[in-house]
Amino acid sequence: MKATFYTNEFMNSHAREPKGHGYWGFDVSLCVAERGTTSLGQYWATGTYSAAKREAKKRAEQDARSIGGTGKQLVVRVLP
């Protein structure tokens, strides 16, 4: 499942790209052409940005499958 990560809110708040170790928040939505956008909620993780990003995508894919959203687009906002 394809996931697009948007970092503009984080960058506007912190004046830098998300990277390194920290407490990361992600707001995830599932886009389904026939049904529009469905919020999957927020995911939080501690660790490196790359590891947290992988974990958020993995959890979002599991949640999307549970509501029958396989093969669709995930939209992920990196929270400030």
C-alpha atoms as a PDB file:
ATOM      1  CA  MET A   1       0.000   0.000   0.000  1.00  0.00           C
ATOM      2  CA  LYS A   2       1.405   3.363  -0.981  1.00  0.00           C
ATOM      3  CA  ALA A   3       1.867   5.953   1.763  1.00  0.00           C
ATOM      4  CA  THR A   4       2.594   9.637   1.241  1.00  0.00           C
ATOM      5  CA  PHE A   5       4.157  11.466   4.187  1.00  0.00           C
ATOM      6  CA  TYR A   6       3.547  15.209   4.495  1.00  0.00           C
ATOM      7  CA  THR A   7       6.062  17.059   6.661  1.00  0.00           C
ATOM      8  CA  ASN A   8       5.027  20.690   6.036  1.00  0.00           C
ATOM      9  CA  GLU A   9       3.299  21.137   9.440  1.00  0.00           C
ATOM     10  CA  PHE A  10       6.357  19.772  11.234  1.00  0.00           C
ATOM     11  CA  MET A  11       8.710  21.954   9.191  1.00  0.00           C
ATOM     12  CA  ASN A  12       6.624  25.089   9.791  1.00  0.00           C
ATOM     13  CA  SER A  13       6.664  24.432  13.528  1.00  0.00           C
ATOM     14  CA  HIS A  14      10.325  23.406  13.930  1.00  0.00           C
ATOM     15  CA  ALA A  15      12.008  25.091  10.936  1.00  0.00           C
ATOM     16  CA  ARG A  16      13.741  21.826   9.984  1.00  0.00           C
ATOM     17  CA  GLU A  17      13.094  18.466   8.375  1.00  0.00           C
ATOM     18  CA  PRO A  18      12.017  15.658  10.712  1.00  0.00           C
ATOM     19  CA  LYS A  19      15.063  13.533  11.530  1.00  0.00           C
ATOM     20  CA  GLY A  20      16.949  11.990  14.391  1.00  0.00           C
ATOM     21  CA  HIS A  21      15.679  10.571  17.672  1.00  0.00           C
ATOM     22  CA  GLY A  22      12.481  11.813  19.285  1.00  0.00           C
ATOM     23  CA  TYR A  23       8.808  11.281  20.058  1.00  0.00           C
ATOM     24  CA  TRP A  24       7.032  11.233  16.702  1.00  0.00           C
ATOM     25  CA  GLY A  25       3.360  11.690  15.916  1.00  0.00           C
ATOM     26  CA  PHE A  26       1.587  10.756  12.707  1.00  0.00           C
ATOM     27  CA  ASP A  27      -2.012  11.502  11.687  1.00  0.00           C
ATOM     28  CA  VAL A  28      -3.100   8.882   9.158  1.00  0.00           C
ATOM     29  CA  SER A  29      -5.992   8.815   6.691  1.00  0.00           C
ATOM     30  CA  LEU A  30      -7.003   6.233   4.116  1.00  0.00           C
ATOM     31  CA  CYS A  31      -8.085   7.569   0.720  1.00  0.00           C
ATOM     32  CA  VAL A  32     -10.557   5.379  -1.116  1.00  0.00           C
ATOM     33  CA  ALA A  33     -11.896   6.761  -4.390  1.00  0.00           C
ATOM     34  CA  GLU A  34     -15.394   5.339  -3.932  1.00  0.00           C
ATOM     35  CA  ARG A  35     -15.758   6.392  -0.265  1.00  0.00           C
ATOM     36  CA  GLY A  36     -13.544   9.454   0.149  1.00  0.00           C
ATOM     37  CA  THR A  37     -11.139   9.820   3.060  1.00  0.00           C
ATOM     38  CA  THR A  38     -11.343   7.831   6.299  1.00  0.00           C
ATOM     39  CA  SER A  39      -9.292   8.787   9.342  1.00  0.00           C
ATOM     40  CA  LEU A  40      -7.321   5.902  10.826  1.00  0.00           C
ATOM     41  CA  GLY A  41      -6.247   7.984  13.829  1.00  0.00           C
ATOM     42  CA  GLN A  42      -2.959   9.120  15.249  1.00  0.00           C
ATOM     43  CA  TYR A  43       0.075   6.948  15.848  1.00  0.00           C
ATOM     44  CA  TRP A  44       2.887   7.853  18.244  1.00  0.00           C
ATOM     45  CA  ALA A  45       6.331   6.314  18.526  1.00  0.00           C
ATOM     46  CA  THR A  46       9.624   6.990  20.266  1.00  0.00           C
ATOM     47  CA  GLY A  47      12.885   6.380  18.411  1.00  0.00           C
ATOM     48  CA  THR A  48      14.471   7.488  15.199  1.00  0.00           C
ATOM     49  CA  TYR A  49      12.266   9.205  12.646  1.00  0.00           C
ATOM     50  CA  SER A  50      12.883   6.492  10.048  1.00  0.00           C
ATOM     51  CA  ALA A  51      11.940   3.681  12.480  1.00  0.00           C
ATOM     52  CA  ALA A  52       8.852   5.577  13.700  1.00  0.00           C
ATOM     53  CA  LYS A  53       7.815   6.231  10.102  1.00  0.00           C
ATOM     54  CA  ARG A  54       8.091   2.518   9.245  1.00  0.00           C
ATOM     55  CA  GLU A  55       6.088   1.578  12.350  1.00  0.00           C
ATOM     56  CA  ALA A  56       3.349   4.120  11.580  1.00  0.00           C
ATOM     57  CA  LYS A  57       3.033   2.806   8.016  1.00  0.00           C
ATOM     58  CA  LYS A  58       2.911  -0.799   9.221  1.00  0.00           C
ATOM     59  CA  ARG A  59       0.208  -0.056  11.823  1.00  0.00           C
ATOM     60  CA  ALA A  60      -1.801   2.021   9.335  1.00  0.00           C
ATOM     61  CA  GLU A  61      -1.694  -0.778   6.762  1.00  0.00           C
ATOM     62  CA  GLN A  62      -2.975  -3.246   9.382  1.00  0.00           C
ATOM     63  CA  ASP A  63      -5.802  -0.883  10.345  1.00  0.00           C
ATOM     64  CA  ALA A  64      -6.654  -0.230   6.682  1.00  0.00           C
ATOM     65  CA  ARG A  65      -6.866  -3.966   5.968  1.00  0.00           C
ATOM     66  CA  SER A  66      -9.208  -4.418   8.937  1.00  0.00           C
ATOM     67  CA  ILE A  67     -11.720  -2.049   7.296  1.00  0.00           C
ATOM     68  CA  GLY A  68     -11.265  -3.480   3.800  1.00  0.00           C
ATOM     69  CA  GLY A  69      -8.936  -0.793   2.480  1.00  0.00           C
ATOM     70  CA  THR A  70      -6.237  -2.859   0.814  1.00  0.00           C
ATOM     71  CA  GLY A  71      -4.554  -1.416  -2.250  1.00  0.00           C
ATOM     72  CA  LYS A  72      -5.518   2.166  -1.509  1.00  0.00           C
ATOM     73  CA  GLN A  73      -3.550   5.325  -0.650  1.00  0.00           C
ATOM     74  CA  LEU A  74      -2.438   6.267   2.868  1.00  0.00           C
ATOM     75  CA  VAL A  75      -1.983   9.972   3.602  1.00  0.00           C
ATOM     76  CA  VAL A  76       0.251  10.573   6.617  1.00  0.00           C
ATOM     77  CA  ARG A  77       0.783  13.981   8.242  1.00  0.00           C
ATOM     78  CA  VAL A  78       3.864  14.230  10.449  1.00  0.00           C
ATOM     79  CA  LEU A  79       2.629  16.096  13.525  1.00  0.00           C
ATOM     80  CA  PRO A  80       4.608  18.995  14.997  1.00  0.00           C
END
